[in-house]
Amino acid sequence: MHTELHHHSNIVDASAKSFRTWAGTVLAAAALGGADLTGLARTNARSPENAAVQATSNLLGNTPSVARASYIHPSVLSAAKDGRTVHDDLAAAAERVGSDRFAAVWTDARLQSAVRRLLP
């Protein structure tokens, strides 16, 4: 009932899962773009991808496997493997928000637009 009411009272037809998936995708892209992951990922992670998934899962409150399977768009991970990240956009976002901390910078609208460009 509440979800149905929420859908009817808003212009955007999106579920909580949609917002969570977008957040996971942007968080992972920010991590792969060089956001400060201090305290959110092991410093000895096997790869930048694993560190990004760990940090994203910590902020979402899931395990890394759930975050990777359900909340991070695979195109963000493949783009990073191909050398395409939001690094420059992340640096600009950090200037705008005054921090390169992972939890602070991901909400920047222009950074989110850059993440959309990584998606098919």
Protein backbone atom coordinates (compact mmCIF):
# COMPACT_ATOMS: atom_id res chain seq x y z
CA MET A 1 0.00 0.00 0.00
CA HIS A 2 2.71 2.50 0.98
CA THR A 3 4.80 1.68 -2.10
CA GLU A 4 1.72 1.99 -4.32
CA LEU A 5 0.85 5.36 -2.76
CA HIS A 6 4.45 6.49 -3.15
CA HIS A 7 4.42 5.58 -6.86
CA HIS A 8 1.21 7.50 -7.45
CA SER A 9 2.41 10.61 -5.66
CA ASN A 10 5.65 11.02 -7.61
CA ILE A 11 6.54 11.78 -11.19
CA VAL A 12 9.27 9.13 -11.36
CA ASP A 13 8.15 5.51 -11.37
CA ALA A 14 11.01 3.89 -9.49
CA SER A 15 11.30 1.40 -6.68
CA ALA A 16 13.61 1.45 -3.68
CA LYS A 17 15.55 -1.30 -5.49
CA SER A 18 16.06 1.03 -8.47
CA PHE A 19 17.48 3.76 -6.25
CA ARG A 20 19.67 1.27 -4.40
CA THR A 21 20.98 -0.15 -7.69
CA TRP A 22 21.76 3.34 -8.98
CA ALA A 23 23.53 4.17 -5.71
CA GLY A 24 25.59 0.97 -5.92
CA THR A 25 26.52 1.68 -9.53
CA VAL A 26 27.60 5.27 -8.83
CA LEU A 27 29.45 4.26 -5.66
CA ALA A 28 31.41 1.58 -7.52
CA ALA A 29 32.22 3.99 -10.36
CA ALA A 30 33.41 6.60 -7.85
CA ALA A 31 35.60 4.03 -6.11
CA LEU A 32 37.09 2.91 -9.43
CA GLY A 33 37.62 6.56 -10.35
CA GLY A 34 39.84 7.07 -7.33
CA ALA A 35 37.58 8.17 -4.47
CA ASP A 36 39.07 7.92 -0.99
CA LEU A 37 38.02 4.49 0.36
CA THR A 38 39.68 4.83 3.77
CA GLY A 39 37.97 2.54 6.25
CA LEU A 40 35.62 1.04 3.65
CA ALA A 41 37.85 -1.41 1.80
CA ARG A 42 40.87 -3.48 2.74
CA THR A 43 44.08 -1.77 1.75
CA ASN A 44 45.37 -5.12 0.51
CA ALA A 45 42.40 -5.84 -1.79
CA ARG A 46 43.44 -8.03 -4.72
CA SER A 47 42.39 -5.43 -7.28
CA PRO A 48 40.82 -1.99 -7.61
CA GLU A 49 37.62 -3.78 -8.65
CA ASN A 50 37.56 -5.80 -5.43
CA ALA A 51 38.23 -2.68 -3.36
CA ALA A 52 35.37 -0.86 -5.15
CA VAL A 53 32.98 -3.75 -4.51
CA GLN A 54 34.04 -3.98 -0.85
CA ALA A 55 33.55 -0.25 -0.27
CA THR A 56 30.21 -0.24 -2.07
CA SER A 57 28.96 -3.23 -0.10
CA ASN A 58 30.02 -1.60 3.17
CA LEU A 59 28.02 1.55 2.43
CA LEU A 60 25.01 -0.42 1.21
CA GLY A 61 25.16 -2.83 4.14
CA ASN A 62 25.51 -5.95 2.00
CA THR A 63 28.13 -8.57 1.37
CA PRO A 64 30.48 -7.96 -1.56
CA SER A 65 28.87 -10.82 -3.51
CA VAL A 66 25.37 -9.36 -3.09
CA ALA A 67 26.59 -5.87 -4.03
CA ARG A 68 28.33 -7.17 -7.15
CA ALA A 69 25.42 -9.37 -8.24
CA SER A 70 22.52 -7.05 -7.42
CA TYR A 71 23.58 -3.43 -7.03
CA ILE A 72 26.55 -2.65 -9.28
CA HIS A 73 25.93 -2.42 -13.02
CA PRO A 74 28.42 -4.76 -14.72
CA SER A 75 29.25 -2.13 -17.35
CA VAL A 76 30.96 0.01 -14.71
CA LEU A 77 33.26 -2.88 -13.81
CA SER A 78 33.97 -3.75 -17.46
CA ALA A 79 34.62 -0.11 -18.34
CA ALA A 80 37.22 0.08 -15.57
CA LYS A 81 38.91 -3.06 -16.89
CA ASP A 82 39.10 -1.29 -20.27
CA GLY A 83 40.65 1.77 -18.62
CA ARG A 84 37.49 3.91 -18.73
CA THR A 85 36.62 5.48 -15.37
CA VAL A 86 35.14 8.71 -14.04
CA HIS A 87 38.52 9.80 -12.68
CA ASP A 88 38.48 13.35 -14.09
CA ASP A 89 34.79 13.81 -13.23
CA LEU A 90 35.50 12.55 -9.72
CA ALA A 91 38.27 15.11 -9.26
CA ALA A 92 35.91 17.89 -10.37
CA ALA A 93 33.17 16.56 -8.06
CA ALA A 94 35.61 16.48 -5.15
CA GLU A 95 36.36 20.16 -5.79
CA ARG A 96 32.64 20.98 -5.83
CA VAL A 97 31.76 19.07 -2.64
CA GLY A 98 35.03 19.80 -0.85
CA SER A 99 36.01 16.16 -0.33
CA ASP A 100 37.14 13.11 -2.26
CA ARG A 101 35.71 10.81 0.43
CA PHE A 102 33.71 8.00 -1.14
CA ALA A 103 30.57 8.59 0.94
CA ALA A 104 30.55 12.34 0.18
CA VAL A 105 31.34 12.62 -3.50
CA TRP A 106 29.01 10.03 -5.04
CA THR A 107 25.90 12.25 -4.73
CA ASP A 108 27.32 14.92 -7.07
CA ALA A 109 24.94 15.30 -10.04
CA ARG A 110 27.68 15.83 -12.62
CA LEU A 111 29.54 12.77 -11.40
CA GLN A 112 26.32 10.79 -11.75
CA SER A 113 25.98 12.06 -15.33
CA ALA A 114 29.51 10.82 -16.04
CA VAL A 115 28.58 7.39 -14.66
CA ARG A 116 25.57 7.27 -17.00
CA ARG A 117 27.99 7.67 -19.92
CA LEU A 118 29.71 4.42 -18.89
CA LEU A 119 26.45 2.49 -19.23
CA PRO A 120 25.10 0.98 -22.46
